C-alpha atoms as a PDB file:
ATOM      1  CA  UNK A   1      18.258   8.470  10.113  1.00  0.00           C
ATOM      2  CA  UNK A   2      15.139   6.763  11.389  1.00  0.00           C
ATOM      3  CA  UNK A   3      13.742   3.294  11.022  1.00  0.00           C
ATOM      4  CA  UNK A   4      10.725   1.701   9.413  1.00  0.00           C
ATOM      5  CA  UNK A   5       8.056   1.064  12.028  1.00  0.00           C
ATOM      6  CA  UNK A   6       7.151  -2.266  10.408  1.00  0.00           C
ATOM      7  CA  UNK A   7      10.432  -3.977   9.474  1.00  0.00           C
ATOM      8  CA  UNK A   8      12.638  -1.881  11.816  1.00  0.00           C
ATOM      9  CA  UNK A   9      15.319  -1.386   9.120  1.00  0.00           C
ATOM     10  CA  UNK A  10      17.050   2.009   9.021  1.00  0.00           C
ATOM     11  CA  UNK A  11      15.707   4.342   6.334  1.00  0.00           C
ATOM     12  CA  UNK A  12      15.445   8.036   5.598  1.00  0.00           C
ATOM     13  CA  UNK A  13      12.461   7.667   3.246  1.00  0.00           C
ATOM     14  CA  UNK A  14       9.088   6.626   4.659  1.00  0.00           C
ATOM     15  CA  UNK A  15       5.418   6.838   3.785  1.00  0.00           C
ATOM     16  CA  UNK A  16       2.219   6.210   5.700  1.00  0.00           C
ATOM     17  CA  UNK A  17       0.677   2.753   5.583  1.00  0.00           C
ATOM     18  CA  UNK A  18      -2.920   2.331   4.409  1.00  0.00           C
ATOM     19  CA  UNK A  19      -3.275  -0.725   6.655  1.00  0.00           C
ATOM     20  CA  UNK A  20      -2.097   0.869   9.910  1.00  0.00           C
ATOM     21  CA  UNK A  21      -0.835   4.102  11.426  1.00  0.00           C
ATOM     22  CA  UNK A  22       2.781   2.997  10.844  1.00  0.00           C
ATOM     23  CA  UNK A  23       5.341   4.942   8.867  1.00  0.00           C
ATOM     24  CA  UNK A  24       6.905   2.387   6.543  1.00  0.00           C
ATOM     25  CA  UNK A  25       9.921   2.203   4.229  1.00  0.00           C
ATOM     26  CA  UNK A  26       9.690   1.890   0.458  1.00  0.00           C
ATOM     27  CA  UNK A  27      10.252  -1.887   0.568  1.00  0.00           C
ATOM     28  CA  UNK A  28       7.351  -2.354   3.000  1.00  0.00           C
ATOM     29  CA  UNK A  29       5.244   0.044   0.907  1.00  0.00           C
ATOM     30  CA  UNK A  30       5.874  -2.083  -2.201  1.00  0.00           C
ATOM     31  CA  UNK A  31       4.929  -5.228  -0.285  1.00  0.00           C
ATOM     32  CA  UNK A  32       1.809  -3.492   1.024  1.00  0.00           C
ATOM     33  CA  UNK A  33       0.690  -2.217  -2.399  1.00  0.00           C
ATOM     34  CA  UNK A  34       0.996  -5.751  -3.825  1.00  0.00           C
ATOM     35  CA  UNK A  35      -1.236  -7.195  -1.068  1.00  0.00           C
ATOM     36  CA  UNK A  36      -4.657  -8.466  -2.279  1.00  0.00           C
ATOM     37  CA  UNK A  37      -6.450  -6.355   0.376  1.00  0.00           C
ATOM     38  CA  UNK A  38      -4.607  -3.120  -0.483  1.00  0.00           C
ATOM     39  CA  UNK A  39      -7.483  -1.459  -2.341  1.00  0.00           C
ATOM     40  CA  UNK A  40      -9.900  -2.414   0.438  1.00  0.00           C
ATOM     41  CA  UNK A  41      -7.586  -0.861   3.062  1.00  0.00           C
ATOM     42  CA  UNK A  42      -7.305   2.326   0.970  1.00  0.00           C
ATOM     43  CA  UNK A  43     -11.065   2.559   0.478  1.00  0.00           C
ATOM     44  CA  UNK A  44     -11.822   2.069   4.185  1.00  0.00           C
ATOM     45  CA  UNK A  45      -9.246   4.698   5.223  1.00  0.00           C
ATOM     46  CA  UNK A  46     -10.453   7.199   2.620  1.00  0.00           C
ATOM     47  CA  UNK A  47     -14.065   6.723   3.769  1.00  0.00           C
ATOM     48  CA  UNK A  48     -13.010   7.317   7.382  1.00  0.00           C
ATOM     49  CA  UNK A  49     -11.150  10.514   6.476  1.00  0.00           C
ATOM     50  CA  UNK A  50     -14.072  11.761   4.369  1.00  0.00           C
ATOM     51  CA  UNK A  51     -16.232  11.171   7.437  1.00  0.00           C
ATOM     52  CA  UNK A  52     -13.923  13.368   9.527  1.00  0.00           C
ATOM     53  CA  UNK A  53     -11.837  10.683  11.258  1.00  0.00           C
ATOM     54  CA  UNK A  54      -8.316  12.001  10.711  1.00  0.00           C
ATOM     55  CA  UNK A  55      -6.884   9.570  13.290  1.00  0.00           C
ATOM     56  CA  UNK A  56      -8.159   6.355  11.707  1.00  0.00           C
ATOM     57  CA  UNK A  57      -5.874   3.527  12.882  1.00  0.00           C
ATOM     58  CA  UNK A  58      -6.336   1.459   9.708  1.00  0.00           C
ATOM     59  CA  UNK A  59      -7.774  -2.004   9.158  1.00  0.00           C
ATOM     60  CA  UNK A  60      -4.602  -3.653  10.490  1.00  0.00           C
ATOM     61  CA  UNK A  61      -1.653  -5.114   8.628  1.00  0.00           C
ATOM     62  CA  UNK A  62      -2.404  -8.835   8.263  1.00  0.00           C
ATOM     63  CA  UNK A  63       1.130  -9.698   7.181  1.00  0.00           C
ATOM     64  CA  UNK A  64       2.347 -10.530   3.709  1.00  0.00           C
ATOM     65  CA  UNK A  65       0.321 -13.743   3.450  1.00  0.00           C
ATOM     66  CA  UNK A  66      -2.571 -12.871   5.782  1.00  0.00           C
ATOM     67  CA  UNK A  67      -5.962 -11.392   4.913  1.00  0.00           C
ATOM     68  CA  UNK A  68      -7.902  -8.522   6.450  1.00  0.00           C
ATOM     69  CA  UNK A  69     -11.018  -9.528   8.384  1.00  0.00           C
ATOM     70  CA  UNK A  70     -13.930  -7.639   6.912  1.00  0.00           C
ATOM     71  CA  UNK A  71     -17.155  -6.791   8.743  1.00  0.00           C
END
């Protein structure tokens, strides 16, 4: 069993974050998808991948109540 890279809780099910390069558990994924900047983070990552950047680090997880700084 491994742990979530964000909350550090043990889990065997993880997914990639759209905000960062972390592998996160389902609880953190639900929190992330409810964040007001979620669609922005997805769009920025998808644009980076379409441009050939397969190692995009993400826009950064601002925390549950934080906001992403946009250019």
